[in-house]
Amino acid sequence: MSCILPLQRSFIGILEKHRKPGECILNFRSPDYSPESGYRPVEIRLVGDTGSETSQLTIGQASTR
C-alpha cells in the first residue's frame, strides 16, 4: 500500500492486515479533550467496494455518545 500521508508503518500494517472488510472506521480523541477546549473528536471512515477500485473517504465529527 502506498500512501501520500505521513502514516506510521504500524498503522499501514494494520490496514494491510485487514484488507478484507469493506469498511474501516477510525476515531481520534485527544487525551486532553474537554468541552471547554473546543476540540472535537474526529471520525475517519474508509469505505471501499471489494469488487472494484471504488473507495470513499469521509471525515467528520465523531459521535460523542
C-alpha atoms as a PDB file:
ATOM      1  CA  MET A   1       0.000   0.000   0.000  1.00  0.00           C
ATOM      2  CA  SER A   2       1.393   3.402  -0.898  1.00  0.00           C
ATOM      3  CA  CYS A   3       0.223   6.455   0.957  1.00  0.00           C
ATOM      4  CA  ILE A   4       0.783  10.164   0.386  1.00  0.00           C
ATOM      5  CA  LEU A   5       0.188  10.935   4.060  1.00  0.00           C
ATOM      6  CA  PRO A   6       2.949  10.503   6.658  1.00  0.00           C
ATOM      7  CA  LEU A   7       1.403   7.481   8.363  1.00  0.00           C
ATOM      8  CA  GLN A   8       3.419   5.237  10.609  1.00  0.00           C
ATOM      9  CA  ARG A   9       4.381   1.789   9.353  1.00  0.00           C
ATOM     10  CA  SER A  10       2.401   0.124  12.128  1.00  0.00           C
ATOM     11  CA  PHE A  11      -0.787   1.906  11.037  1.00  0.00           C
ATOM     12  CA  ILE A  12      -0.272   0.886   7.413  1.00  0.00           C
ATOM     13  CA  GLY A  13       0.412  -2.657   8.656  1.00  0.00           C
ATOM     14  CA  ILE A  14      -2.985  -2.741  10.374  1.00  0.00           C
ATOM     15  CA  LEU A  15      -4.731  -1.573   7.196  1.00  0.00           C
ATOM     16  CA  GLU A  16      -2.821  -4.156   5.133  1.00  0.00           C
ATOM     17  CA  LYS A  17      -3.712  -6.928   7.577  1.00  0.00           C
ATOM     18  CA  HIS A  18      -7.436  -6.179   7.454  1.00  0.00           C
ATOM     19  CA  ARG A  19      -7.979  -5.561   3.736  1.00  0.00           C
ATOM     20  CA  LYS A  20     -10.959  -7.894   3.504  1.00  0.00           C
ATOM     21  CA  PRO A  21     -13.525  -5.757   5.358  1.00  0.00           C
ATOM     22  CA  GLY A  22     -15.208  -3.223   3.100  1.00  0.00           C
ATOM     23  CA  GLU A  23     -15.161  -0.548   5.773  1.00  0.00           C
ATOM     24  CA  CYS A  24     -12.779   0.810   8.389  1.00  0.00           C
ATOM     25  CA  ILE A  25     -13.709   3.463  10.966  1.00  0.00           C
ATOM     26  CA  LEU A  26     -11.003   5.315  12.865  1.00  0.00           C
ATOM     27  CA  ASN A  27     -11.857   7.521  15.836  1.00  0.00           C
ATOM     28  CA  PHE A  28      -9.360  10.061  17.107  1.00  0.00           C
ATOM     29  CA  ARG A  29      -9.806  11.614  20.529  1.00  0.00           C
ATOM     30  CA  SER A  30      -7.393  13.844  22.382  1.00  0.00           C
ATOM     31  CA  PRO A  31      -6.492  12.710  25.909  1.00  0.00           C
ATOM     32  CA  ASP A  32      -6.899  16.384  26.844  1.00  0.00           C
ATOM     33  CA  TYR A  33     -10.397  16.607  25.327  1.00  0.00           C
ATOM     34  CA  SER A  34     -12.912  18.726  27.150  1.00  0.00           C
ATOM     35  CA  PRO A  35     -15.998  20.628  26.004  1.00  0.00           C
ATOM     36  CA  GLU A  36     -14.262  23.831  27.137  1.00  0.00           C
ATOM     37  CA  SER A  37     -11.245  23.253  24.897  1.00  0.00           C
ATOM     38  CA  GLY A  38     -13.334  23.431  21.740  1.00  0.00           C
ATOM     39  CA  TYR A  39     -11.598  20.340  20.326  1.00  0.00           C
ATOM     40  CA  ARG A  40     -13.991  17.838  18.843  1.00  0.00           C
ATOM     41  CA  PRO A  41     -13.205  14.176  18.282  1.00  0.00           C
ATOM     42  CA  VAL A  42     -12.815  13.224  14.632  1.00  0.00           C
ATOM     43  CA  GLU A  43     -14.001  10.114  12.826  1.00  0.00           C
ATOM     44  CA  ILE A  44     -12.412   8.938   9.596  1.00  0.00           C
ATOM     45  CA  ARG A  45     -14.424   6.364   7.699  1.00  0.00           C
ATOM     46  CA  LEU A  46     -12.798   4.445   4.837  1.00  0.00           C
ATOM     47  CA  VAL A  47     -15.312   2.624   2.685  1.00  0.00           C
ATOM     48  CA  GLY A  48     -14.290   0.509  -0.276  1.00  0.00           C
ATOM     49  CA  ASP A  49     -16.059  -1.731  -2.736  1.00  0.00           C
ATOM     50  CA  THR A  50     -14.182  -5.035  -2.547  1.00  0.00           C
ATOM     51  CA  GLY A  51     -15.133  -5.853  -6.136  1.00  0.00           C
ATOM     52  CA  SER A  52     -13.680  -2.700  -7.676  1.00  0.00           C
ATOM     53  CA  GLU A  53     -11.233   0.136  -7.214  1.00  0.00           C
ATOM     54  CA  THR A  54     -14.007   2.414  -5.907  1.00  0.00           C
ATOM     55  CA  SER A  55     -13.483   3.855  -2.464  1.00  0.00           C
ATOM     56  CA  GLN A  56     -14.814   6.690  -0.345  1.00  0.00           C
ATOM     57  CA  LEU A  57     -13.209   8.722   2.423  1.00  0.00           C
ATOM     58  CA  THR A  58     -15.423  10.561   4.899  1.00  0.00           C
ATOM     59  CA  ILE A  59     -14.051  12.792   7.624  1.00  0.00           C
ATOM     60  CA  GLY A  60     -16.383  14.284  10.187  1.00  0.00           C
ATOM     61  CA  GLN A  61     -17.161  14.793  13.836  1.00  0.00           C
ATOM     62  CA  ALA A  62     -17.317  11.552  15.792  1.00  0.00           C
ATOM     63  CA  SER A  63     -20.320  10.639  17.848  1.00  0.00           C
ATOM     64  CA  THR A  64     -19.913  11.850  21.421  1.00  0.00           C
ATOM     65  CA  ARG A  65     -22.431   9.436  22.920  1.00  0.00           C
END
